[in-house]
Amino acid sequence: MAIENPSREEIREILQKAKRIAVVGLSNNPEKTSYMVAKAMQDAGYEIIPVNPKATEIL
């Protein structure tokens, strides 16, 4: 049984309702995509919960 990704509409609905988002594997390196995306979401008003056991501070 294959797992399908949510549609763009489903993602839009989730992001409109959510105010807090955990980012698994979030890098503390500003040049990494995960950091850039999380920073943009934080700037847009989301609370970002970084999940990275190797980093002590992110964002």
C-alpha atoms as a PDB file:
ATOM      1  CA  MET A   1       0.000   0.000   0.000  1.00  0.00           C
ATOM      2  CA  ALA A   2       1.542   3.285  -1.125  1.00  0.00           C
ATOM      3  CA  ILE A   3       1.256   6.451   0.923  1.00  0.00           C
ATOM      4  CA  GLU A   4       0.313   9.488  -1.139  1.00  0.00           C
ATOM      5  CA  ASN A   5       1.371  13.035  -0.438  1.00  0.00           C
ATOM      6  CA  PRO A   6      -1.414  15.496   0.360  1.00  0.00           C
ATOM      7  CA  SER A   7      -2.718  17.652  -2.466  1.00  0.00           C
ATOM      8  CA  ARG A   8      -1.799  21.340  -2.685  1.00  0.00           C
ATOM      9  CA  GLU A   9      -5.298  22.205  -1.460  1.00  0.00           C
ATOM     10  CA  GLU A  10      -4.885  19.932   1.581  1.00  0.00           C
ATOM     11  CA  ILE A  11      -1.500  21.495   2.345  1.00  0.00           C
ATOM     12  CA  ARG A  12      -2.998  24.992   2.006  1.00  0.00           C
ATOM     13  CA  GLU A  13      -5.802  24.107   4.445  1.00  0.00           C
ATOM     14  CA  ILE A  14      -3.342  22.690   6.976  1.00  0.00           C
ATOM     15  CA  LEU A  15      -1.083  25.748   6.793  1.00  0.00           C
ATOM     16  CA  GLN A  16      -4.036  28.135   7.159  1.00  0.00           C
ATOM     17  CA  LYS A  17      -5.099  26.388  10.379  1.00  0.00           C
ATOM     18  CA  ALA A  18      -1.685  25.675  11.902  1.00  0.00           C
ATOM     19  CA  LYS A  19       0.202  28.245  13.940  1.00  0.00           C
ATOM     20  CA  ARG A  20       2.935  25.943  15.256  1.00  0.00           C
ATOM     21  CA  ILE A  21       5.054  23.723  13.031  1.00  0.00           C
ATOM     22  CA  ALA A  22       7.790  21.247  13.976  1.00  0.00           C
ATOM     23  CA  VAL A  23      10.577  20.964  11.422  1.00  0.00           C
ATOM     24  CA  VAL A  24      12.383  17.642  11.714  1.00  0.00           C
ATOM     25  CA  GLY A  25      16.035  17.884  10.731  1.00  0.00           C
ATOM     26  CA  LEU A  26      16.070  21.689  10.756  1.00  0.00           C
ATOM     27  CA  SER A  27      19.608  22.904  10.126  1.00  0.00           C
ATOM     28  CA  ASN A  28      21.246  25.772  12.004  1.00  0.00           C
ATOM     29  CA  ASN A  29      23.083  26.670   8.774  1.00  0.00           C
ATOM     30  CA  PRO A  30      21.374  29.683   7.098  1.00  0.00           C
ATOM     31  CA  GLU A  31      22.519  28.422   3.679  1.00  0.00           C
ATOM     32  CA  LYS A  32      20.508  25.182   3.968  1.00  0.00           C
ATOM     33  CA  THR A  33      17.045  24.919   2.446  1.00  0.00           C
ATOM     34  CA  SER A  34      15.452  23.701   5.687  1.00  0.00           C
ATOM     35  CA  TYR A  35      16.686  26.827   7.477  1.00  0.00           C
ATOM     36  CA  MET A  36      15.507  29.169   4.708  1.00  0.00           C
ATOM     37  CA  VAL A  37      12.029  27.636   4.573  1.00  0.00           C
ATOM     38  CA  ALA A  38      11.647  27.603   8.366  1.00  0.00           C
ATOM     39  CA  LYS A  39      12.856  31.221   8.590  1.00  0.00           C
ATOM     40  CA  ALA A  40      10.344  32.319   5.935  1.00  0.00           C
ATOM     41  CA  MET A  41       7.559  30.537   7.815  1.00  0.00           C
ATOM     42  CA  GLN A  42       8.673  32.122  11.084  1.00  0.00           C
ATOM     43  CA  ASP A  43       8.670  35.547   9.418  1.00  0.00           C
ATOM     44  CA  ALA A  44       5.126  34.815   8.193  1.00  0.00           C
ATOM     45  CA  GLY A  45       3.962  34.321  11.783  1.00  0.00           C
ATOM     46  CA  TYR A  46       4.346  30.590  12.396  1.00  0.00           C
ATOM     47  CA  GLU A  47       5.940  29.303  15.578  1.00  0.00           C
ATOM     48  CA  ILE A  48       8.730  26.962  14.497  1.00  0.00           C
ATOM     49  CA  ILE A  49       9.764  24.053  16.707  1.00  0.00           C
ATOM     50  CA  PRO A  50      13.190  22.886  15.508  1.00  0.00           C
ATOM     51  CA  VAL A  51      13.927  19.172  15.851  1.00  0.00           C
ATOM     52  CA  ASN A  52      17.637  18.514  15.590  1.00  0.00           C
ATOM     53  CA  PRO A  53      19.450  16.720  18.422  1.00  0.00           C
ATOM     54  CA  LYS A  54      22.852  17.930  17.184  1.00  0.00           C
ATOM     55  CA  ALA A  55      22.024  21.664  17.305  1.00  0.00           C
ATOM     56  CA  THR A  56      21.745  23.723  20.484  1.00  0.00           C
ATOM     57  CA  GLU A  57      20.122  26.810  18.917  1.00  0.00           C
ATOM     58  CA  ILE A  58      18.347  27.334  15.604  1.00  0.00           C
ATOM     59  CA  LEU A  59      16.709  30.531  14.301  1.00  0.00           C
END
